[in-house]
Amino acid sequence: IAAQHTLYISPELLIWTVSGEVLLVVILGGIGTLVGPVIGAIILIMMKHELSNYTDYWHMIVGVVLILAVLAGGRGVYGQIEVWLEAFFKPKAPKNPKVKEQDLA
């Protein structure tokens, strides 16, 4: 996958982590949508860039974030955003609906 970007192939590109980043992006962003992997790619690039400035163990932090994303239900970031938006914009039912005797019969 990385050969199209770098325009050459070397043995270093055969390690699983390079191709595994594609799976990481999809899982992190959300499976089943086109927007989810784009969001996942943005998050992964930002995490790599920012975390590598602070620690050499940024891979471990990315791994923990991936585990949390999988444990959250596999919806990814985009799926969670959809859930929040649906809950925010969904009309709320009245707390104490009045039930008439006619409705019960």
C-alpha atoms as a PDB file:
ATOM      1  CA  ILE A   1       0.000   0.000   0.000  1.00  0.00           C
ATOM      2  CA  ALA A   2       2.816   2.397   0.833  1.00  0.00           C
ATOM      3  CA  ALA A   3       4.576   1.702  -2.490  1.00  0.00           C
ATOM      4  CA  GLN A   4       2.239   4.035  -4.363  1.00  0.00           C
ATOM      5  CA  HIS A   5       3.084   6.824  -1.963  1.00  0.00           C
ATOM      6  CA  THR A   6       6.866   6.354  -1.845  1.00  0.00           C
ATOM      7  CA  LEU A   7       7.252   5.223  -5.493  1.00  0.00           C
ATOM      8  CA  TYR A   8       9.636   2.427  -4.549  1.00  0.00           C
ATOM      9  CA  ILE A   9       9.533  -0.891  -2.740  1.00  0.00           C
ATOM     10  CA  SER A  10      12.028  -1.957  -0.123  1.00  0.00           C
ATOM     11  CA  PRO A  11      12.085  -4.801   2.409  1.00  0.00           C
ATOM     12  CA  GLU A  12      11.233  -2.293   5.137  1.00  0.00           C
ATOM     13  CA  LEU A  13       7.776  -1.897   3.621  1.00  0.00           C
ATOM     14  CA  LEU A  14       6.988  -5.568   4.171  1.00  0.00           C
ATOM     15  CA  ILE A  15       6.622  -5.245   7.922  1.00  0.00           C
ATOM     16  CA  TRP A  16       3.083  -5.677   9.140  1.00  0.00           C
ATOM     17  CA  THR A  17       2.891  -2.319  10.891  1.00  0.00           C
ATOM     18  CA  VAL A  18       2.849  -0.380   7.635  1.00  0.00           C
ATOM     19  CA  SER A  19      -0.166  -2.264   6.302  1.00  0.00           C
ATOM     20  CA  GLY A  20      -1.615  -2.498   9.797  1.00  0.00           C
ATOM     21  CA  GLU A  21      -1.980   1.266   9.876  1.00  0.00           C
ATOM     22  CA  VAL A  22      -4.797   0.958   7.353  1.00  0.00           C
ATOM     23  CA  LEU A  23      -6.704  -1.299   9.742  1.00  0.00           C
ATOM     24  CA  LEU A  24      -5.923   1.053  12.608  1.00  0.00           C
ATOM     25  CA  VAL A  25      -7.330   4.002  10.664  1.00  0.00           C
ATOM     26  CA  VAL A  26     -10.538   2.140   9.797  1.00  0.00           C
ATOM     27  CA  ILE A  27     -11.105   0.822  13.321  1.00  0.00           C
ATOM     28  CA  LEU A  28     -10.308   4.164  14.916  1.00  0.00           C
ATOM     29  CA  GLY A  29     -12.543   6.178  12.585  1.00  0.00           C
ATOM     30  CA  GLY A  30     -15.389   3.735  12.206  1.00  0.00           C
ATOM     31  CA  ILE A  31     -16.260   0.808   9.996  1.00  0.00           C
ATOM     32  CA  GLY A  32     -18.993   1.000   7.377  1.00  0.00           C
ATOM     33  CA  THR A  33     -18.729   4.631   6.329  1.00  0.00           C
ATOM     34  CA  LEU A  34     -16.521   6.658   4.031  1.00  0.00           C
ATOM     35  CA  VAL A  35     -16.105   9.491   6.508  1.00  0.00           C
ATOM     36  CA  GLY A  36     -14.984   7.242   9.386  1.00  0.00           C
ATOM     37  CA  PRO A  37     -11.610   6.185   7.937  1.00  0.00           C
ATOM     38  CA  VAL A  38     -10.863   9.781   6.923  1.00  0.00           C
ATOM     39  CA  ILE A  39     -11.468  10.884  10.504  1.00  0.00           C
ATOM     40  CA  GLY A  40      -9.382   7.936  11.717  1.00  0.00           C
ATOM     41  CA  ALA A  41      -6.490   8.939   9.440  1.00  0.00           C
ATOM     42  CA  ILE A  42      -6.591  12.512  10.700  1.00  0.00           C
ATOM     43  CA  ILE A  43      -6.611  11.331  14.318  1.00  0.00           C
ATOM     44  CA  LEU A  44      -3.762   8.857  13.742  1.00  0.00           C
ATOM     45  CA  ILE A  45      -1.556  11.420  11.999  1.00  0.00           C
ATOM     46  CA  MET A  46      -2.209  13.992  14.709  1.00  0.00           C
ATOM     47  CA  MET A  47      -1.500  11.455  17.472  1.00  0.00           C
ATOM     48  CA  LYS A  48       1.738  10.344  15.802  1.00  0.00           C
ATOM     49  CA  HIS A  49       2.919  13.894  15.319  1.00  0.00           C
ATOM     50  CA  GLU A  50       1.987  15.234  18.743  1.00  0.00           C
ATOM     51  CA  LEU A  51       2.813  12.200  20.886  1.00  0.00           C
ATOM     52  CA  SER A  52       6.197  11.620  19.243  1.00  0.00           C
ATOM     53  CA  ASN A  53       7.194  15.106  20.400  1.00  0.00           C
ATOM     54  CA  TYR A  54       6.667  14.105  24.029  1.00  0.00           C
ATOM     55  CA  THR A  55       7.651  10.448  24.297  1.00  0.00           C
ATOM     56  CA  ASP A  56       9.412   7.672  22.421  1.00  0.00           C
ATOM     57  CA  TYR A  57       6.663   5.282  23.541  1.00  0.00           C
ATOM     58  CA  TRP A  58       3.910   6.880  21.493  1.00  0.00           C
ATOM     59  CA  HIS A  59       3.142   3.488  19.903  1.00  0.00           C
ATOM     60  CA  MET A  60       1.958   2.257  23.279  1.00  0.00           C
ATOM     61  CA  ILE A  61      -0.424   5.180  23.670  1.00  0.00           C
ATOM     62  CA  VAL A  62      -1.828   4.612  20.173  1.00  0.00           C
ATOM     63  CA  GLY A  63      -2.295   0.939  21.083  1.00  0.00           C
ATOM     64  CA  VAL A  64      -4.253   1.833  24.207  1.00  0.00           C
ATOM     65  CA  VAL A  65      -6.449   4.197  22.177  1.00  0.00           C
ATOM     66  CA  LEU A  66      -7.085   1.396  19.660  1.00  0.00           C
ATOM     67  CA  ILE A  67      -8.033  -1.029  22.435  1.00  0.00           C
ATOM     68  CA  LEU A  68     -10.436   1.539  23.887  1.00  0.00           C
ATOM     69  CA  ALA A  69     -11.961   2.100  20.430  1.00  0.00           C
ATOM     70  CA  VAL A  70     -12.575  -1.635  20.014  1.00  0.00           C
ATOM     71  CA  LEU A  71     -13.991  -1.995  23.528  1.00  0.00           C
ATOM     72  CA  ALA A  72     -16.318   0.941  22.912  1.00  0.00           C
ATOM     73  CA  GLY A  73     -18.236  -1.202  20.460  1.00  0.00           C
ATOM     74  CA  GLY A  74     -16.278  -0.888  17.246  1.00  0.00           C
ATOM     75  CA  ARG A  75     -18.242   2.125  16.074  1.00  0.00           C
ATOM     76  CA  GLY A  76     -15.147   4.270  16.038  1.00  0.00           C
ATOM     77  CA  VAL A  77     -15.011   8.002  16.499  1.00  0.00           C
ATOM     78  CA  TYR A  78     -17.476   8.767  13.706  1.00  0.00           C
ATOM     79  CA  GLY A  79     -19.970   6.226  15.023  1.00  0.00           C
ATOM     80  CA  GLN A  80     -19.784   7.772  18.476  1.00  0.00           C
ATOM     81  CA  ILE A  81     -20.306  11.237  17.009  1.00  0.00           C
ATOM     82  CA  GLU A  82     -23.419   9.932  15.224  1.00  0.00           C
ATOM     83  CA  VAL A  83     -24.762   8.533  18.511  1.00  0.00           C
ATOM     84  CA  TRP A  84     -24.188  11.853  20.298  1.00  0.00           C
ATOM     85  CA  LEU A  85     -25.820  13.863  17.509  1.00  0.00           C
ATOM     86  CA  GLU A  86     -28.808  11.531  17.397  1.00  0.00           C
ATOM     87  CA  ALA A  87     -29.253  11.795  21.170  1.00  0.00           C
ATOM     88  CA  PHE A  88     -28.910  15.578  21.059  1.00  0.00           C
ATOM     89  CA  PHE A  89     -31.344  16.212  18.206  1.00  0.00           C
ATOM     90  CA  LYS A  90     -33.840  13.433  18.933  1.00  0.00           C
ATOM     91  CA  PRO A  91     -37.098  14.770  20.382  1.00  0.00           C
ATOM     92  CA  LYS A  92     -37.488  13.750  23.987  1.00  0.00           C
ATOM     93  CA  ALA A  93     -40.582  11.962  25.221  1.00  0.00           C
ATOM     94  CA  PRO A  94     -42.488  13.525  28.093  1.00  0.00           C
ATOM     95  CA  LYS A  95     -41.372  12.287  31.493  1.00  0.00           C
ATOM     96  CA  ASN A  96     -44.860  11.690  32.899  1.00  0.00           C
ATOM     97  CA  PRO A  97     -47.286  10.933  30.099  1.00  0.00           C
ATOM     98  CA  LYS A  98     -50.886  11.138  31.189  1.00  0.00           C
ATOM     99  CA  VAL A  99     -52.653   7.859  30.592  1.00  0.00           C
ATOM    100  CA  LYS A 100     -56.406   7.882  30.243  1.00  0.00           C
ATOM    101  CA  GLU A 101     -58.627   4.976  31.156  1.00  0.00           C
ATOM    102  CA  GLN A 102     -59.773   4.784  27.532  1.00  0.00           C
ATOM    103  CA  ASP A 103     -56.211   4.077  26.386  1.00  0.00           C
ATOM    104  CA  LEU A 104     -55.884   1.158  28.789  1.00  0.00           C
ATOM    105  CA  ALA A 105     -59.069  -0.561  27.643  1.00  0.00           C
END
